[in-house]
Amino acid sequence: MEGTLLAGFVTSNPENHLFRKVLNKGDVFVFPFGLIHFQYNIGRTNAVAIAAASSQNASVITVANAVFGSNPPINLDFLARAFQLDKKDLQEIFKLENKENEDVIKL
């Protein structure tokens, strides 16, 4: 590894505890399977890291895309409760452009 990365992951409910560490050359960090995790270059230069997956069919689940881009869309009432937001705030997030999403808001 070269550079400086901030890496971390969040445990699942109910704790939702954030574990994070600043990584420098020679450091190792393991992300538990299935947990939301991140890596962010906090250095002043490019960072290089080596990553390995425990499966030959490793995949990426982008949480925002899965939640806000599902087809059919998740009912905004459900999302508002889950994220503790007003429906108006969610409408701003979605910036509704098509009839299908407008119908979901009316539910």
Protein backbone atom coordinates (compact mmCIF):
# COMPACT_ATOMS: atom_id res chain seq x y z
CA MET A 1 0.00 0.00 0.00
CA GLU A 2 1.09 3.55 -0.68
CA GLY A 3 -0.48 6.77 0.53
CA THR A 4 -2.95 7.18 3.37
CA LEU A 5 -6.46 5.73 3.43
CA LEU A 6 -9.28 5.99 5.92
CA ALA A 7 -11.06 2.62 5.96
CA GLY A 8 -14.02 1.49 7.97
CA PHE A 9 -17.22 -0.48 8.26
CA VAL A 10 -20.52 -0.27 10.13
CA THR A 11 -21.90 -3.18 12.13
CA SER A 12 -25.52 -4.21 11.66
CA ASN A 13 -28.50 -3.38 13.89
CA PRO A 14 -29.02 -2.54 16.65
CA GLU A 15 -25.59 -1.06 17.42
CA ASN A 16 -24.66 0.33 13.95
CA HIS A 17 -21.17 0.90 15.36
CA LEU A 18 -18.59 2.49 13.07
CA PHE A 19 -15.13 0.89 13.08
CA ARG A 20 -12.50 2.95 11.27
CA LYS A 21 -8.75 3.17 10.96
CA VAL A 22 -6.22 5.34 9.15
CA LEU A 23 -4.10 3.03 7.02
CA ASN A 24 -0.50 3.70 6.01
CA LYS A 25 2.08 1.66 4.12
CA GLY A 26 2.25 -1.86 5.54
CA ASP A 27 -1.13 -1.75 7.33
CA VAL A 28 -3.88 -4.34 6.86
CA PHE A 29 -7.63 -3.96 7.34
CA VAL A 30 -10.32 -6.63 6.99
CA PHE A 31 -13.94 -5.86 6.10
CA PRO A 32 -16.38 -8.44 7.53
CA PHE A 33 -18.53 -10.09 4.88
CA GLY A 34 -21.79 -8.33 4.05
CA LEU A 35 -21.26 -5.15 6.06
CA ILE A 36 -21.34 -1.63 4.65
CA HIS A 37 -17.76 -0.46 4.31
CA PHE A 38 -15.68 2.32 2.77
CA GLN A 39 -12.19 3.40 1.80
CA TYR A 40 -11.26 7.04 1.31
CA ASN A 41 -7.97 8.60 0.28
CA ILE A 42 -7.18 11.18 2.97
CA GLY A 43 -3.60 11.78 1.86
CA ARG A 44 -2.17 14.51 -0.32
CA THR A 45 -1.06 12.06 -3.02
CA ASN A 46 -2.61 9.13 -4.86
CA ALA A 47 -3.14 6.00 -2.80
CA VAL A 48 -2.54 2.43 -3.91
CA ALA A 49 -3.98 -0.56 -2.04
CA ILE A 50 -4.35 -4.28 -2.64
CA ALA A 51 -7.80 -5.79 -2.11
CA ALA A 52 -8.89 -9.42 -2.10
CA ALA A 53 -12.35 -10.96 -1.92
CA SER A 54 -13.37 -14.23 -0.32
CA SER A 55 -15.27 -15.28 -3.42
CA GLN A 56 -14.47 -15.58 -7.10
CA ASN A 57 -17.89 -14.03 -7.69
CA ALA A 58 -17.47 -11.01 -5.44
CA SER A 59 -19.94 -8.23 -6.10
CA VAL A 60 -20.75 -4.68 -5.11
CA ILE A 61 -24.02 -3.57 -3.59
CA THR A 62 -24.36 0.19 -3.76
CA VAL A 63 -26.79 0.89 -0.93
CA ALA A 64 -28.09 4.20 -2.28
CA ASN A 65 -28.70 2.71 -5.73
CA ALA A 66 -30.44 -0.31 -4.24
CA VAL A 67 -32.69 1.72 -1.94
CA PHE A 68 -33.41 4.79 -4.06
CA GLY A 69 -33.23 3.13 -7.46
CA SER A 70 -35.24 -0.04 -6.95
CA ASN A 71 -37.69 -1.13 -9.63
CA PRO A 72 -40.52 -0.83 -8.75
CA PRO A 73 -39.66 2.03 -6.38
CA ILE A 74 -39.95 1.55 -2.62
CA ASN A 75 -42.92 3.45 -1.22
CA LEU A 76 -41.77 6.88 0.01
CA ASP A 77 -43.74 6.48 3.25
CA PHE A 78 -41.57 3.47 4.08
CA LEU A 79 -38.37 5.30 3.17
CA ALA A 80 -39.40 8.37 5.16
CA ARG A 81 -39.86 6.25 8.28
CA ALA A 82 -36.67 4.26 7.73
CA PHE A 83 -34.50 7.35 7.22
CA GLN A 84 -36.50 9.56 9.61
CA LEU A 85 -37.11 12.16 6.90
CA ASP A 86 -40.14 14.08 5.68
CA LYS A 87 -41.64 12.97 2.38
CA LYS A 88 -40.82 16.44 1.01
CA ASP A 89 -37.13 15.82 1.74
CA LEU A 90 -37.30 12.51 -0.10
CA GLN A 91 -39.01 14.18 -3.04
CA GLU A 92 -36.02 16.53 -3.25
CA ILE A 93 -33.63 13.58 -3.17
CA PHE A 94 -35.48 11.85 -5.98
CA LYS A 95 -36.03 15.02 -8.07
CA LEU A 96 -38.94 13.25 -9.65
CA GLU A 97 -38.98 13.31 -13.40
CA ASN A 98 -41.41 10.62 -14.39
CA LYS A 99 -45.00 9.59 -13.78
CA GLU A 100 -44.08 6.23 -12.21
CA ASN A 101 -42.33 7.90 -9.26
CA GLU A 102 -45.11 10.49 -8.89
CA ASP A 103 -47.59 7.64 -8.44
CA VAL A 104 -45.44 6.19 -5.64
CA ILE A 105 -45.48 9.50 -3.76
CA LYS A 106 -49.30 9.56 -3.77
CA LEU A 107 -49.53 6.17 -2.01
